[in-house]
Amino acid sequence: MLDDKHCPDSQRINEVLSRVGDRWSVLVVISLAQYGTMRFNELKRNLGISQRMLSLTLKELERDGLVNRTYHPTIPPKVEYNLTEMGESFREPVMALGYWALENLSKIDAAREAYDKGARS
């Protein structure tokens, strides 16, 4: 566990990890890593996320320098998102987390079921 005595930057590390480690940020990065440049509605459909949550997530990822937003002044307007160089560098650890989750779904389900049965006793 990181604390200020042992790691003076622990507060900053926590701040960054809470942003890039939240559910939607991870899924947005995985989608952009897998499919490349995507439009807002493509991401929304792909992730099953609300418009408001996707908008907030993309703004934060853009603010943190992980996502580029490109506006095309067409009718209707077209906005595309892709990973920045820093976002690309985050691709490997995020994909590893995603693969780990997929590989362990059945074990997690079994552990939850066993826990829930024990909690009822």
PDB file of N, CA and C in Angstrom:
ATOM      1  N   MET A   1       0.846  -1.173   0.000  1.00  0.00           N
ATOM      2  CA  MET A   1       0.000   0.000   0.000  1.00  0.00           C
ATOM      3  C   MET A   1       0.890   1.233   0.000  1.00  0.00           C
ATOM      4  N   LEU A   2       0.560   2.174  -0.852  1.00  0.00           N
ATOM      5  CA  LEU A   2       1.333   3.411  -0.924  1.00  0.00           C
ATOM      6  C   LEU A   2       0.823   4.402   0.108  1.00  0.00           C
ATOM      7  N   ASP A   3       1.752   5.057   0.787  1.00  0.00           N
ATOM      8  CA  ASP A   3       1.365   6.141   1.674  1.00  0.00           C
ATOM      9  C   ASP A   3       2.367   7.271   1.515  1.00  0.00           C
ATOM     10  N   ASP A   4       2.022   8.456   2.024  1.00  0.00           N
ATOM     11  CA  ASP A   4       2.848   9.639   1.827  1.00  0.00           C
ATOM     12  C   ASP A   4       4.242   9.511   2.440  1.00  0.00           C
ATOM     13  N   LYS A   5       4.397   8.713   3.513  1.00  0.00           N
ATOM     14  CA  LYS A   5       5.710   8.545   4.139  1.00  0.00           C
ATOM     15  C   LYS A   5       6.670   7.795   3.217  1.00  0.00           C
ATOM     16  N   HIS A   6       6.152   6.752   2.565  1.00  0.00           N
ATOM     17  CA  HIS A   6       6.997   5.904   1.738  1.00  0.00           C
ATOM     18  C   HIS A   6       7.045   6.359   0.287  1.00  0.00           C
ATOM     19  N   CYS A   7       6.037   7.032  -0.148  1.00  0.00           N
ATOM     20  CA  CYS A   7       5.966   7.491  -1.535  1.00  0.00           C
ATOM     21  C   CYS A   7       5.323   8.875  -1.548  1.00  0.00           C
ATOM     22  N   PRO A   8       6.134   9.912  -1.634  1.00  0.00           N
ATOM     23  CA  PRO A   8       5.580  11.264  -1.578  1.00  0.00           C
ATOM     24  C   PRO A   8       4.625  11.569  -2.729  1.00  0.00           C
ATOM     25  N   ASP A   9       4.689  10.790  -3.797  1.00  0.00           N
ATOM     26  CA  ASP A   9       3.805  11.018  -4.938  1.00  0.00           C
ATOM     27  C   ASP A   9       2.552  10.143  -4.908  1.00  0.00           C
ATOM     28  N   SER A  10       2.294   9.468  -3.786  1.00  0.00           N
ATOM     29  CA  SER A  10       1.171   8.529  -3.733  1.00  0.00           C
ATOM     30  C   SER A  10      -0.161   9.209  -4.014  1.00  0.00           C
ATOM     31  N   GLN A  11      -0.337  10.430  -3.569  1.00  0.00           N
ATOM     32  CA  GLN A  11      -1.593  11.140  -3.825  1.00  0.00           C
ATOM     33  C   GLN A  11      -1.775  11.374  -5.325  1.00  0.00           C
ATOM     34  N   ARG A  12      -0.708  11.751  -6.011  1.00  0.00           N
ATOM     35  CA  ARG A  12      -0.770  11.974  -7.463  1.00  0.00           C
ATOM     36  C   ARG A  12      -0.996  10.649  -8.202  1.00  0.00           C
ATOM     37  N   ILE A  13      -0.322   9.598  -7.742  1.00  0.00           N
ATOM     38  CA  ILE A  13      -0.499   8.279  -8.355  1.00  0.00           C
ATOM     39  C   ILE A  13      -1.952   7.841  -8.199  1.00  0.00           C
ATOM     40  N   ASN A  14      -2.500   8.010  -7.013  1.00  0.00           N
ATOM     41  CA  ASN A  14      -3.893   7.659  -6.753  1.00  0.00           C
ATOM     42  C   ASN A  14      -4.829   8.444  -7.660  1.00  0.00           C
ATOM     43  N   GLU A  15      -4.548   9.728  -7.836  1.00  0.00           N
ATOM     44  CA  GLU A  15      -5.373  10.578  -8.703  1.00  0.00           C
ATOM     45  C   GLU A  15      -5.377  10.059 -10.139  1.00  0.00           C
ATOM     46  N   VAL A  16      -4.201   9.733 -10.647  1.00  0.00           N
ATOM     47  CA  VAL A  16      -4.099   9.240 -12.019  1.00  0.00           C
ATOM     48  C   VAL A  16      -4.777   7.882 -12.154  1.00  0.00           C
ATOM     49  N   LEU A  17      -4.509   6.969 -11.219  1.00  0.00           N
ATOM     50  CA  LEU A  17      -5.099   5.636 -11.308  1.00  0.00           C
ATOM     51  C   LEU A  17      -6.613   5.657 -11.169  1.00  0.00           C
ATOM     52  N   SER A  18      -7.136   6.568 -10.354  1.00  0.00           N
ATOM     53  CA  SER A  18      -8.594   6.639 -10.226  1.00  0.00           C
ATOM     54  C   SER A  18      -9.228   7.109 -11.525  1.00  0.00           C
ATOM     55  N   ARG A  19      -8.532   7.932 -12.284  1.00  0.00           N
ATOM     56  CA  ARG A  19      -9.052   8.398 -13.580  1.00  0.00           C
ATOM     57  C   ARG A  19      -8.920   7.320 -14.636  1.00  0.00           C
ATOM     58  N   VAL A  20      -7.711   6.815 -14.839  1.00  0.00           N
ATOM     59  CA  VAL A  20      -7.499   5.875 -15.938  1.00  0.00           C
ATOM     60  C   VAL A  20      -7.948   4.469 -15.593  1.00  0.00           C
ATOM     61  N   GLY A  21      -8.203   4.206 -14.332  1.00  0.00           N
ATOM     62  CA  GLY A  21      -8.592   2.864 -13.920  1.00  0.00           C
ATOM     63  C   GLY A  21     -10.078   2.683 -13.724  1.00  0.00           C
ATOM     64  N   ASP A  22     -10.872   3.724 -13.997  1.00  0.00           N
ATOM     65  CA  ASP A  22     -12.307   3.534 -13.810  1.00  0.00           C
ATOM     66  C   ASP A  22     -12.874   2.702 -14.957  1.00  0.00           C
ATOM     67  N   ARG A  23     -13.987   2.124 -14.704  1.00  0.00           N
ATOM     68  CA  ARG A  23     -14.618   1.167 -15.618  1.00  0.00           C
ATOM     69  C   ARG A  23     -14.718   1.688 -17.047  1.00  0.00           C
ATOM     70  N   TRP A  24     -15.287   2.862 -17.223  1.00  0.00           N
ATOM     71  CA  TRP A  24     -15.544   3.355 -18.573  1.00  0.00           C
ATOM     72  C   TRP A  24     -14.277   3.789 -19.282  1.00  0.00           C
ATOM     73  N   SER A  25     -13.341   4.379 -18.547  1.00  0.00           N
ATOM     74  CA  SER A  25     -12.079   4.784 -19.169  1.00  0.00           C
ATOM     75  C   SER A  25     -11.343   3.578 -19.721  1.00  0.00           C
ATOM     76  N   VAL A  26     -11.289   2.520 -18.952  1.00  0.00           N
ATOM     77  CA  VAL A  26     -10.626   1.295 -19.396  1.00  0.00           C
ATOM     78  C   VAL A  26     -11.305   0.752 -20.647  1.00  0.00           C
ATOM     79  N   LEU A  27     -12.634   0.711 -20.659  1.00  0.00           N
ATOM     80  CA  LEU A  27     -13.354   0.170 -21.811  1.00  0.00           C
ATOM     81  C   LEU A  27     -13.212   1.054 -23.047  1.00  0.00           C
ATOM     82  N   VAL A  28     -13.170   2.372 -22.867  1.00  0.00           N
ATOM     83  CA  VAL A  28     -12.961   3.283 -23.999  1.00  0.00           C
ATOM     84  C   VAL A  28     -11.565   3.051 -24.577  1.00  0.00           C
ATOM     85  N   VAL A  29     -10.556   2.969 -23.732  1.00  0.00           N
ATOM     86  CA  VAL A  29      -9.187   2.750 -24.208  1.00  0.00           C
ATOM     87  C   VAL A  29      -9.083   1.402 -24.925  1.00  0.00           C
ATOM     88  N   ILE A  30      -9.691   0.363 -24.375  1.00  0.00           N
ATOM     89  CA  ILE A  30      -9.671  -0.950 -25.030  1.00  0.00           C
ATOM     90  C   ILE A  30     -10.331  -0.870 -26.407  1.00  0.00           C
ATOM     91  N   SER A  31     -11.469  -0.201 -26.497  1.00  0.00           N
ATOM     92  CA  SER A  31     -12.166  -0.076 -27.787  1.00  0.00           C
ATOM     93  C   SER A  31     -11.335   0.681 -28.808  1.00  0.00           C
ATOM     94  N   LEU A  32     -10.771   1.817 -28.392  1.00  0.00           N
ATOM     95  CA  LEU A  32      -9.961   2.605 -29.326  1.00  0.00           C
ATOM     96  C   LEU A  32      -8.678   1.863 -29.705  1.00  0.00           C
ATOM     97  N   ALA A  33      -8.129   1.093 -28.772  1.00  0.00           N
ATOM     98  CA  ALA A  33      -6.934   0.295 -29.061  1.00  0.00           C
ATOM     99  C   ALA A  33      -7.266  -0.796 -30.073  1.00  0.00           C
ATOM    100  N   GLN A  34      -8.437  -1.383 -29.937  1.00  0.00           N
ATOM    101  CA  GLN A  34      -8.828  -2.495 -30.796  1.00  0.00           C
ATOM    102  C   GLN A  34      -9.306  -2.031 -32.172  1.00  0.00           C
ATOM    103  N   TYR A  35     -10.103  -0.951 -32.209  1.00  0.00           N
ATOM    104  CA  TYR A  35     -10.738  -0.542 -33.460  1.00  0.00           C
ATOM    105  C   TYR A  35     -10.130   0.705 -34.089  1.00  0.00           C
ATOM    106  N   GLY A  36      -9.225   1.387 -33.395  1.00  0.00           N
ATOM    107  CA  GLY A  36      -8.636   2.607 -33.950  1.00  0.00           C
ATOM    108  C   GLY A  36      -9.567   3.792 -33.787  1.00  0.00           C
ATOM    109  N   THR A  37      -9.551   4.691 -34.740  1.00  0.00           N
ATOM    110  CA  THR A  37     -10.377   5.892 -34.687  1.00  0.00           C
ATOM    111  C   THR A  37     -11.848   5.523 -34.736  1.00  0.00           C
ATOM    112  N   MET A  38     -12.618   6.103 -33.808  1.00  0.00           N
ATOM    113  CA  MET A  38     -14.052   5.814 -33.746  1.00  0.00           C
ATOM    114  C   MET A  38     -14.835   7.102 -33.534  1.00  0.00           C
ATOM    115  N   ARG A  39     -16.043   7.109 -34.048  1.00  0.00           N
ATOM    116  CA  ARG A  39     -16.953   8.218 -33.807  1.00  0.00           C
ATOM    117  C   ARG A  39     -17.659   7.997 -32.472  1.00  0.00           C
ATOM    118  N   PHE A  40     -18.221   9.094 -31.943  1.00  0.00           N
ATOM    119  CA  PHE A  40     -18.888   9.062 -30.650  1.00  0.00           C
ATOM    120  C   PHE A  40     -19.947   7.962 -30.596  1.00  0.00           C
ATOM    121  N   ASN A  41     -20.847   7.942 -31.579  1.00  0.00           N
ATOM    122  CA  ASN A  41     -21.942   6.964 -31.557  1.00  0.00           C
ATOM    123  C   ASN A  41     -21.454   5.529 -31.745  1.00  0.00           C
ATOM    124  N   GLU A  42     -20.335   5.339 -32.434  1.00  0.00           N
ATOM    125  CA  GLU A  42     -19.758   4.000 -32.548  1.00  0.00           C
ATOM    126  C   GLU A  42     -19.299   3.512 -31.175  1.00  0.00           C
ATOM    127  N   LEU A  43     -18.620   4.389 -30.448  1.00  0.00           N
ATOM    128  CA  LEU A  43     -18.188   4.043 -29.092  1.00  0.00           C
ATOM    129  C   LEU A  43     -19.391   3.759 -28.204  1.00  0.00           C
ATOM    130  N   LYS A  44     -20.389   4.619 -28.295  1.00  0.00           N
ATOM    131  CA  LYS A  44     -21.597   4.473 -27.468  1.00  0.00           C
ATOM    132  C   LYS A  44     -22.257   3.120 -27.710  1.00  0.00           C
ATOM    133  N   ARG A  45     -22.439   2.758 -28.966  1.00  0.00           N
ATOM    134  CA  ARG A  45     -23.046   1.459 -29.304  1.00  0.00           C
ATOM    135  C   ARG A  45     -22.152   0.300 -28.872  1.00  0.00           C
ATOM    136  N   ASN A  46     -20.868   0.419 -29.126  1.00  0.00           N
ATOM    137  CA  ASN A  46     -19.919  -0.649 -28.821  1.00  0.00           C
ATOM    138  C   ASN A  46     -19.868  -0.954 -27.322  1.00  0.00           C
ATOM    139  N   LEU A  47     -19.964   0.092 -26.504  1.00  0.00           N
ATOM    140  CA  LEU A  47     -19.807  -0.073 -25.061  1.00  0.00           C
ATOM    141  C   LEU A  47     -21.121  -0.207 -24.300  1.00  0.00           C
ATOM    142  N   GLY A  48     -22.230   0.195 -24.903  1.00  0.00           N
ATOM    143  CA  GLY A  48     -23.496   0.181 -24.174  1.00  0.00           C
ATOM    144  C   GLY A  48     -23.491   1.187 -23.035  1.00  0.00           C
ATOM    145  N   ILE A  49     -22.929   2.345 -23.271  1.00  0.00           N
ATOM    146  CA  ILE A  49     -22.756   3.395 -22.275  1.00  0.00           C
ATOM    147  C   ILE A  49     -23.728   4.533 -22.580  1.00  0.00           C
ATOM    148  N   SER A  50     -24.136   5.244 -21.548  1.00  0.00           N
ATOM    149  CA  SER A  50     -25.024   6.386 -21.777  1.00  0.00           C
ATOM    150  C   SER A  50     -24.256   7.517 -22.457  1.00  0.00           C
ATOM    151  N   GLN A  51     -24.968   8.361 -23.151  1.00  0.00           N
ATOM    152  CA  GLN A  51     -24.354   9.489 -23.847  1.00  0.00           C
ATOM    153  C   GLN A  51     -23.631  10.396 -22.863  1.00  0.00           C
ATOM    154  N   ARG A  52     -24.261  10.674 -21.740  1.00  0.00           N
ATOM    155  CA  ARG A  52     -23.667  11.561 -20.735  1.00  0.00           C
ATOM    156  C   ARG A  52     -22.372  10.976 -20.166  1.00  0.00           C
ATOM    157  N   MET A  53     -22.387   9.694 -19.816  1.00  0.00           N
ATOM    158  CA  MET A  53     -21.202   9.068 -19.229  1.00  0.00           C
ATOM    159  C   MET A  53     -20.066   8.986 -20.244  1.00  0.00           C
ATOM    160  N   LEU A  54     -20.395   8.683 -21.501  1.00  0.00           N
ATOM    161  CA  LEU A  54     -19.362   8.623 -22.525  1.00  0.00           C
ATOM    162  C   LEU A  54     -18.756  10.005 -22.752  1.00  0.00           C
ATOM    163  N   SER A  55     -19.599  11.013 -22.796  1.00  0.00           N
ATOM    164  CA  SER A  55     -19.116  12.378 -22.981  1.00  0.00           C
ATOM    165  C   SER A  55     -18.168  12.786 -21.856  1.00  0.00           C
ATOM    166  N   LEU A  56     -18.562  12.516 -20.613  1.00  0.00           N
ATOM    167  CA  LEU A  56     -17.706  12.834 -19.457  1.00  0.00           C
ATOM    168  C   LEU A  56     -16.391  12.067 -19.503  1.00  0.00           C
ATOM    169  N   THR A  57     -16.467  10.787 -19.823  1.00  0.00           N
ATOM    170  CA  THR A  57     -15.276   9.940 -19.872  1.00  0.00           C
ATOM    171  C   THR A  57     -14.312  10.416 -20.947  1.00  0.00           C
ATOM    172  N   LEU A  58     -14.839  10.706 -22.142  1.00  0.00           N
ATOM    173  CA  LEU A  58     -13.980  11.171 -23.231  1.00  0.00           C
ATOM    174  C   LEU A  58     -13.324  12.510 -22.903  1.00  0.00           C
ATOM    175  N   LYS A  59     -14.080  13.412 -22.280  1.00  0.00           N
ATOM    176  CA  LYS A  59     -13.507  14.711 -21.895  1.00  0.00           C
ATOM    177  C   LYS A  59     -12.364  14.536 -20.913  1.00  0.00           C
ATOM    178  N   GLU A  60     -12.527  13.645 -19.939  1.00  0.00           N
ATOM    179  CA  GLU A  60     -11.467  13.404 -18.954  1.00  0.00           C
ATOM    180  C   GLU A  60     -10.257  12.734 -19.594  1.00  0.00           C
ATOM    181  N   LEU A  61     -10.495  11.778 -20.480  1.00  0.00           N
ATOM    182  CA  LEU A  61      -9.380  11.114 -21.162  1.00  0.00           C
ATOM    183  C   LEU A  61      -8.649  12.092 -22.079  1.00  0.00           C
ATOM    184  N   GLU A  62      -9.396  12.989 -22.707  1.00  0.00           N
ATOM    185  CA  GLU A  62      -8.773  14.022 -23.537  1.00  0.00           C
ATOM    186  C   GLU A  62      -7.970  14.988 -22.660  1.00  0.00           C
ATOM    187  N   ARG A  63      -8.542  15.395 -21.540  1.00  0.00           N
ATOM    188  CA  ARG A  63      -7.859  16.299 -20.607  1.00  0.00           C
ATOM    189  C   ARG A  63      -6.559  15.691 -20.100  1.00  0.00           C
ATOM    190  N   ASP A  64      -6.569  14.375 -19.850  1.00  0.00           N
ATOM    191  CA  ASP A  64      -5.382  13.683 -19.344  1.00  0.00           C
ATOM    192  C   ASP A  64      -4.379  13.345 -20.445  1.00  0.00           C
ATOM    193  N   GLY A  65      -4.728  13.655 -21.694  1.00  0.00           N
ATOM    194  CA  GLY A  65      -3.793  13.437 -22.788  1.00  0.00           C
ATOM    195  C   GLY A  65      -3.772  12.034 -23.349  1.00  0.00           C
ATOM    196  N   LEU A  66      -4.811  11.240 -23.083  1.00  0.00           N
ATOM    197  CA  LEU A  66      -4.855   9.862 -23.573  1.00  0.00           C
ATOM    198  C   LEU A  66      -5.640   9.716 -24.870  1.00  0.00           C
ATOM    199  N   VAL A  67      -6.531  10.674 -25.133  1.00  0.00           N
ATOM    200  CA  VAL A  67      -7.415  10.593 -26.291  1.00  0.00           C
ATOM    201  C   VAL A  67      -7.371  11.906 -27.070  1.00  0.00           C
ATOM    202  N   ASN A  68      -7.339  11.779 -28.393  1.00  0.00           N
ATOM    203  CA  ASN A  68      -7.488  12.929 -29.288  1.00  0.00           C
ATOM    204  C   ASN A  68      -8.936  13.039 -29.713  1.00  0.00           C
ATOM    205  N   ARG A  69      -9.414  14.264 -29.798  1.00  0.00           N
ATOM    206  CA  ARG A  69     -10.754  14.545 -30.328  1.00  0.00           C
ATOM    207  C   ARG A  69     -10.565  15.364 -31.587  1.00  0.00           C
ATOM    208  N   THR A  70     -11.099  14.873 -32.701  1.00  0.00           N
ATOM    209  CA  THR A  70     -10.991  15.591 -33.968  1.00  0.00           C
ATOM    210  C   THR A  70     -12.385  15.957 -34.445  1.00  0.00           C
ATOM    211  N   TYR A  71     -12.596  17.255 -34.599  1.00  0.00           N
ATOM    212  CA  TYR A  71     -13.891  17.779 -35.064  1.00  0.00           C
ATOM    213  C   TYR A  71     -13.793  18.063 -36.556  1.00  0.00           C
ATOM    214  N   HIS A  72     -14.737  17.532 -37.313  1.00  0.00           N
ATOM    215  CA  HIS A  72     -14.822  17.780 -38.753  1.00  0.00           C
ATOM    216  C   HIS A  72     -16.074  18.630 -38.998  1.00  0.00           C
ATOM    217  N   PRO A  73     -15.905  19.863 -39.496  1.00  0.00           N
ATOM    218  CA  PRO A  73     -17.050  20.765 -39.683  1.00  0.00           C
ATOM    219  C   PRO A  73     -17.882  20.410 -40.922  1.00  0.00           C
ATOM    220  N   THR A  74     -18.518  19.277 -40.865  1.00  0.00           N
ATOM    221  CA  THR A  74     -19.391  18.825 -41.944  1.00  0.00           C
ATOM    222  C   THR A  74     -20.831  18.958 -41.479  1.00  0.00           C
ATOM    223  N   ILE A  75     -21.763  18.654 -42.359  1.00  0.00           N
ATOM    224  CA  ILE A  75     -23.178  18.660 -41.976  1.00  0.00           C
ATOM    225  C   ILE A  75     -23.682  17.245 -42.160  1.00  0.00           C
ATOM    226  N   PRO A  76     -24.086  16.551 -41.113  1.00  0.00           N
ATOM    227  CA  PRO A  76     -23.945  16.941 -39.707  1.00  0.00           C
ATOM    228  C   PRO A  76     -22.475  16.896 -39.284  1.00  0.00           C
ATOM    229  N   PRO A  77     -22.158  17.594 -38.182  1.00  0.00           N
ATOM    230  CA  PRO A  77     -20.770  17.592 -37.713  1.00  0.00           C
ATOM    231  C   PRO A  77     -20.299  16.171 -37.386  1.00  0.00           C
ATOM    232  N   LYS A  78     -19.039  15.935 -37.613  1.00  0.00           N
ATOM    233  CA  LYS A  78     -18.452  14.614 -37.366  1.00  0.00           C
ATOM    234  C   LYS A  78     -17.320  14.785 -36.355  1.00  0.00           C
ATOM    235  N   VAL A  79     -17.363  14.010 -35.292  1.00  0.00           N
ATOM    236  CA  VAL A  79     -16.317  14.046 -34.274  1.00  0.00           C
ATOM    237  C   VAL A  79     -15.760  12.638 -34.145  1.00  0.00           C
ATOM    238  N   GLU A  80     -14.438  12.542 -34.188  1.00  0.00           N
ATOM    239  CA  GLU A  80     -13.769  11.251 -34.080  1.00  0.00           C
ATOM    240  C   GLU A  80     -12.797  11.265 -32.909  1.00  0.00           C
ATOM    241  N   TYR A  81     -12.582  10.086 -32.355  1.00  0.00           N
ATOM    242  CA  TYR A  81     -11.678   9.923 -31.217  1.00  0.00           C
ATOM    243  C   TYR A  81     -10.667   8.829 -31.544  1.00  0.00           C
ATOM    244  N   ASN A  82      -9.438   9.041 -31.094  1.00  0.00           N
ATOM    245  CA  ASN A  82      -8.413   8.017 -31.194  1.00  0.00           C
ATOM    246  C   ASN A  82      -7.432   8.208 -30.052  1.00  0.00           C
ATOM    247  N   LEU A  83      -6.586   7.220 -29.857  1.00  0.00           N
ATOM    248  CA  LEU A  83      -5.606   7.289 -28.771  1.00  0.00           C
ATOM    249  C   LEU A  83      -4.443   8.183 -29.169  1.00  0.00           C
ATOM    250  N   THR A  84      -3.960   8.953 -28.224  1.00  0.00           N
ATOM    251  CA  THR A  84      -2.740   9.734 -28.415  1.00  0.00           C
ATOM    252  C   THR A  84      -1.546   8.790 -28.271  1.00  0.00           C
ATOM    253  N   GLU A  85      -0.355   9.325 -28.409  1.00  0.00           N
ATOM    254  CA  GLU A  85       0.843   8.514 -28.205  1.00  0.00           C
ATOM    255  C   GLU A  85       0.870   7.970 -26.771  1.00  0.00           C
ATOM    256  N   MET A  86       0.501   8.823 -25.808  1.00  0.00           N
ATOM    257  CA  MET A  86       0.461   8.362 -24.417  1.00  0.00           C
ATOM    258  C   MET A  86      -0.650   7.330 -24.226  1.00  0.00           C
ATOM    259  N   GLY A  87      -1.784   7.541 -24.889  1.00  0.00           N
ATOM    260  CA  GLY A  87      -2.866   6.566 -24.827  1.00  0.00           C
ATOM    261  C   GLY A  87      -2.438   5.223 -25.394  1.00  0.00           C
ATOM    262  N   GLU A  88      -1.666   5.258 -26.478  1.00  0.00           N
ATOM    263  CA  GLU A  88      -1.132   4.020 -27.062  1.00  0.00           C
ATOM    264  C   GLU A  88      -0.205   3.311 -26.077  1.00  0.00           C
ATOM    265  N   SER A  89       0.560   4.103 -25.308  1.00  0.00           N
ATOM    266  CA  SER A  89       1.468   3.487 -24.330  1.00  0.00           C
ATOM    267  C   SER A  89       0.691   2.837 -23.185  1.00  0.00           C
ATOM    268  N   PHE A  90      -0.549   3.267 -22.988  1.00  0.00           N
ATOM    269  CA  PHE A  90      -1.418   2.711 -21.947  1.00  0.00           C
ATOM    270  C   PHE A  90      -2.156   1.476 -22.455  1.00  0.00           C
ATOM    271  N   ARG A  91      -2.090   1.261 -23.751  1.00  0.00           N
ATOM    272  CA  ARG A  91      -2.798   0.160 -24.392  1.00  0.00           C
ATOM    273  C   ARG A  91      -2.414  -1.199 -23.818  1.00  0.00           C
ATOM    274  N   GLU A  92      -1.122  -1.467 -23.695  1.00  0.00           N
ATOM    275  CA  GLU A  92      -0.672  -2.786 -23.238  1.00  0.00           C
ATOM    276  C   GLU A  92      -1.167  -3.134 -21.838  1.00  0.00           C
ATOM    277  N   PRO A  93      -0.981  -2.250 -20.831  1.00  0.00           N
ATOM    278  CA  PRO A  93      -1.481  -2.624 -19.502  1.00  0.00           C
ATOM    279  C   PRO A  93      -3.008  -2.756 -19.455  1.00  0.00           C
ATOM    280  N   VAL A  94      -3.720  -1.922 -20.194  1.00  0.00           N
ATOM    281  CA  VAL A  94      -5.187  -2.002 -20.195  1.00  0.00           C
ATOM    282  C   VAL A  94      -5.655  -3.279 -20.877  1.00  0.00           C
ATOM    283  N   MET A  95      -5.025  -3.627 -21.998  1.00  0.00           N
ATOM    284  CA  MET A  95      -5.393  -4.863 -22.681  1.00  0.00           C
ATOM    285  C   MET A  95      -5.083  -6.073 -21.792  1.00  0.00           C
ATOM    286  N   ALA A  96      -3.974  -6.003 -21.064  1.00  0.00           N
ATOM    287  CA  ALA A  96      -3.637  -7.096 -20.145  1.00  0.00           C
ATOM    288  C   ALA A  96      -4.726  -7.256 -19.088  1.00  0.00           C
ATOM    289  N   LEU A  97      -5.217  -6.149 -18.547  1.00  0.00           N
ATOM    290  CA  LEU A  97      -6.317  -6.212 -17.570  1.00  0.00           C
ATOM    291  C   LEU A  97      -7.573  -6.809 -18.195  1.00  0.00           C
ATOM    292  N   GLY A  98      -7.883  -6.379 -19.413  1.00  0.00           N
ATOM    293  CA  GLY A  98      -9.065  -6.906 -20.101  1.00  0.00           C
ATOM    294  C   GLY A  98      -8.963  -8.402 -20.344  1.00  0.00           C
ATOM    295  N   TYR A  99      -7.804  -8.851 -20.825  1.00  0.00           N
ATOM    296  CA  TYR A  99      -7.601 -10.288 -21.061  1.00  0.00           C
ATOM    297  C   TYR A  99      -7.640 -11.073 -19.756  1.00  0.00           C
ATOM    298  N   TRP A 100      -7.043 -10.507 -18.698  1.00  0.00           N
ATOM    299  CA  TRP A 100      -7.081 -11.169 -17.402  1.00  0.00           C
ATOM    300  C   TRP A 100      -8.532 -11.363 -16.958  1.00  0.00           C
ATOM    301  N   ALA A 101      -9.353 -10.312 -17.115  1.00  0.00           N
ATOM    302  CA  ALA A 101     -10.761 -10.404 -16.720  1.00  0.00           C
ATOM    303  C   ALA A 101     -11.472 -11.495 -17.520  1.00  0.00           C
ATOM    304  N   LEU A 102     -11.256 -11.519 -18.828  1.00  0.00           N
ATOM    305  CA  LEU A 102     -11.901 -12.539 -19.665  1.00  0.00           C
ATOM    306  C   LEU A 102     -11.464 -13.946 -19.288  1.00  0.00           C
ATOM    307  N   GLU A 103     -10.165 -14.117 -19.035  1.00  0.00           N
ATOM    308  CA  GLU A 103      -9.640 -15.445 -18.705  1.00  0.00           C
ATOM    309  C   GLU A 103     -10.122 -15.943 -17.343  1.00  0.00           C
ATOM    310  N   ASN A 104     -10.500 -15.037 -16.469  1.00  0.00           N
ATOM    311  CA  ASN A 104     -10.871 -15.422 -15.106  1.00  0.00           C
ATOM    312  C   ASN A 104     -12.354 -15.271 -14.789  1.00  0.00           C
ATOM    313  N   LEU A 105     -13.176 -14.989 -15.789  1.00  0.00           N
ATOM    314  CA  LEU A 105     -14.610 -14.802 -15.547  1.00  0.00           C
ATOM    315  C   LEU A 105     -15.248 -15.992 -14.847  1.00  0.00           C
ATOM    316  N   SER A 106     -14.964 -17.185 -15.323  1.00  0.00           N
ATOM    317  CA  SER A 106     -15.610 -18.361 -14.711  1.00  0.00           C
ATOM    318  C   SER A 106     -15.138 -18.563 -13.280  1.00  0.00           C
ATOM    319  N   LYS A 107     -13.862 -18.314 -13.000  1.00  0.00           N
ATOM    320  CA  LYS A 107     -13.348 -18.441 -11.634  1.00  0.00           C
ATOM    321  C   LYS A 107     -13.962 -17.379 -10.724  1.00  0.00           C
ATOM    322  N   ILE A 108     -14.107 -16.182 -11.237  1.00  0.00           N
ATOM    323  CA  ILE A 108     -14.718 -15.100 -10.455  1.00  0.00           C
ATOM    324  C   ILE A 108     -16.178 -15.422 -10.167  1.00  0.00           C
ATOM    325  N   ASP A 109     -16.896 -15.908 -11.195  1.00  0.00           N
ATOM    326  CA  ASP A 109     -18.299 -16.295 -10.996  1.00  0.00           C
ATOM    327  C   ASP A 109     -18.419 -17.387  -9.937  1.00  0.00           C
ATOM    328  N   ALA A 110     -17.533 -18.380  -9.997  1.00  0.00           N
ATOM    329  CA  ALA A 110     -17.560 -19.473  -9.021  1.00  0.00           C
ATOM    330  C   ALA A 110     -17.248 -18.961  -7.616  1.00  0.00           C
ATOM    331  N   ALA A 111     -16.269 -18.070  -7.506  1.00  0.00           N
ATOM    332  CA  ALA A 111     -15.914 -17.511  -6.195  1.00  0.00           C
ATOM    333  C   ALA A 111     -17.063 -16.689  -5.623  1.00  0.00           C
ATOM    334  N   ARG A 112     -17.722 -15.923  -6.478  1.00  0.00           N
ATOM    335  CA  ARG A 112     -18.869 -15.118  -6.012  1.00  0.00           C
ATOM    336  C   ARG A 112     -20.009 -16.019  -5.540  1.00  0.00           C
ATOM    337  N   GLU A 113     -20.264 -17.071  -6.315  1.00  0.00           N
ATOM    338  CA  GLU A 113     -21.341 -17.993  -5.955  1.00  0.00           C
ATOM    339  C   GLU A 113     -21.037 -18.667  -4.614  1.00  0.00           C
ATOM    340  N   ALA A 114     -19.804 -19.114  -4.424  1.00  0.00           N
ATOM    341  CA  ALA A 114     -19.409 -19.747  -3.165  1.00  0.00           C
ATOM    342  C   ALA A 114     -19.501 -18.747  -2.013  1.00  0.00           C
ATOM    343  N   TYR A 115     -19.076 -17.545  -2.240  1.00  0.00           N
ATOM    344  CA  TYR A 115     -19.136 -16.515  -1.202  1.00  0.00           C
ATOM    345  C   TYR A 115     -20.581 -16.216  -0.819  1.00  0.00           C
ATOM    346  N   ASP A 116     -21.424 -16.037  -1.848  1.00  0.00           N
ATOM    347  CA  ASP A 116     -22.829 -15.721  -1.594  1.00  0.00           C
ATOM    348  C   ASP A 116     -23.548 -16.840  -0.853  1.00  0.00           C
ATOM    349  N   LYS A 117     -23.221 -18.091  -1.153  1.00  0.00           N
ATOM    350  CA  LYS A 117     -23.802 -19.215  -0.427  1.00  0.00           C
ATOM    351  C   LYS A 117     -23.366 -19.197   1.036  1.00  0.00           C
ATOM    352  N   GLY A 118     -22.103 -18.903   1.269  1.00  0.00           N
ATOM    353  CA  GLY A 118     -21.575 -18.833   2.634  1.00  0.00           C
ATOM    354  C   GLY A 118     -22.138 -17.656   3.405  1.00  0.00           C
ATOM    355  N   ALA A 119     -22.404 -16.568   2.726  1.00  0.00           N
ATOM    356  CA  ALA A 119     -22.931 -15.367   3.385  1.00  0.00           C
ATOM    357  C   ALA A 119     -24.358 -15.570   3.852  1.00  0.00           C
ATOM    358  N   ARG A 120     -25.090 -16.487   3.213  1.00  0.00           N
ATOM    359  CA  ARG A 120     -26.482 -16.763   3.597  1.00  0.00           C
ATOM    360  C   ARG A 120     -26.571 -17.657   4.830  1.00  0.00           C
ATOM    361  N   SER A 121     -25.510 -18.356   5.134  1.00  0.00           N
ATOM    362  CA  SER A 121     -25.530 -19.327   6.252  1.00  0.00           C
ATOM    363  C   SER A 121     -25.513 -18.646   7.580  1.00  0.00           C
TER     364      SER A 121
END
